[in-house]
Amino acid sequence: MQFLGFLGGPLGYVMEFIYKFLVSDYGLSLVLFTVLLRVLMFPLRVKQQKSTARMAAYQPMIQEIQKKYAKDQKRQQEELMRLQQEYGYSPTAGCLPMLLNFLVLFGIIEVVYRPLTYILHIPADVINPIADILQVSANSYTLQSNIISAVVSGNQEVMTALGQYLPAVQDFHVTWGSLNLVAMPTISLAGWMTLIFPVLSIVTMVASQLIIQKTSGQELQGSMKYMPWIMSAMFIFIGFTVPVGFSLYYTVSNLLMVIESLVAKKIYDPEKMKAQLAAEIEEKRKAKKAKKKVTVKAEDGSKVEKEVSESELASLRLQRAREIDAERYADERTTPLTAEERAALEQQGNKKKKKSAKKAEEKVELTDSQSETEKMLAEEKAESEKLHKDDE
């Protein structure tokens, strides 16, 4: 999980600031941090509401395409792509807030697993040796919770091992009443208090999912209908395997998300968005059907004005582009060669190769004969110079 919790470092510094300079209480720090995070992400939540509301307006068109081309997946994808290009439908709209929520979620899990690292900044070479004292793995997610609990219970060996960092751990207020927020949930009569926030986090998550779905105006289809319940089942596991502090964060976050959804619905009401988008689509359809006056060439070469629709205009433009290409490249062949033409070209190429080879041979012979002639002339010149010298 640590590789998903890479935001633990930055979020830890925010938590440290809130804890040290505002409240000096771990639980209140988690609550204030959650409020701050939801306020910062509210503009993205509004953007997601707008995207989701528009998607709800596209839903009937999408369902119609899926039903009409249920047996032709290729055509179905083409029609959905055309819907995206012509009307602005985007299946990935609104994914950014969901992705950020996911990353922040695991970043918070990382912080609540390791508060000594991210909030108190105690080095690993101090924390890891204490694992042997507590007889747990140094990589265990419960190690730091166990260290804090050991200090609270007065374990002298652990307190000695912490050295200069002991006062920081002793002053780390992690309890609300008798509830230890860094403790792991325990399904027992003695540990019933540790179950309060895990249960609340699951209940508020289901409620928030249902309310968000209703305020967005989007009706989930098929297996997506069960997504809130699948997510709830997943968080039953997560809520009972992480410290109680995470469930506190998640409970507060779910409640704030419900408030955000109600506010976002006021800004972008799905029903109003549906009506607005339906009007936009109808205008675009009318514009496509509307006749436009264009000048075209008649068969006798004369120019006449004609009223055409958008699709007819596109055909005329394509036809005109082909005519221009035909005029521009009239001297260039664009049709494929026949087998006879290809054979004739190959034969012509072979003749050119033979002719070139013959010229090369003649050039070599000529060069050789020139060399012999030059040699003979040089010998005669040398002999003549010798005779002239003897005469003298």
Foldseek 3Di string as FASTA:
>chain_A
DVVLQPCLQVLLVQLLCCCPPPPVANLVSLLVSLVVVCVVCLVLVLQLLQLLLLVLLCVVVLVVLCVVCVVPVVVSVVVVVVCCVQQVNDPCGSVVSVVVVSSVLSNVLLCLLCVCCRNVNQDLVLQQVCCVVVVHHSPDSLSVVVLLVCVVVPPPVSLVSNPPCNVVSVSRHQDDPPRRQSDAQDPDPVRVVLVVLLVLLLVLQLVLVVLLCVLSNHDDDDPVVCVSVVVSVVSNVVSRGTGSSSSSSSNSNSVVSSVSSVVSCVVPPSVVSSVVSVVVVVVSVVQQAFWDWDWDADPVRDIDIDTDGNVVVVVVVVVVVVVVVCVVQVVPDDDDDDPVVVVVVVVVVVVVVVVVVVVVVVVVVVVVVVVVVVVVVVVVVVVVVVVVVVVD
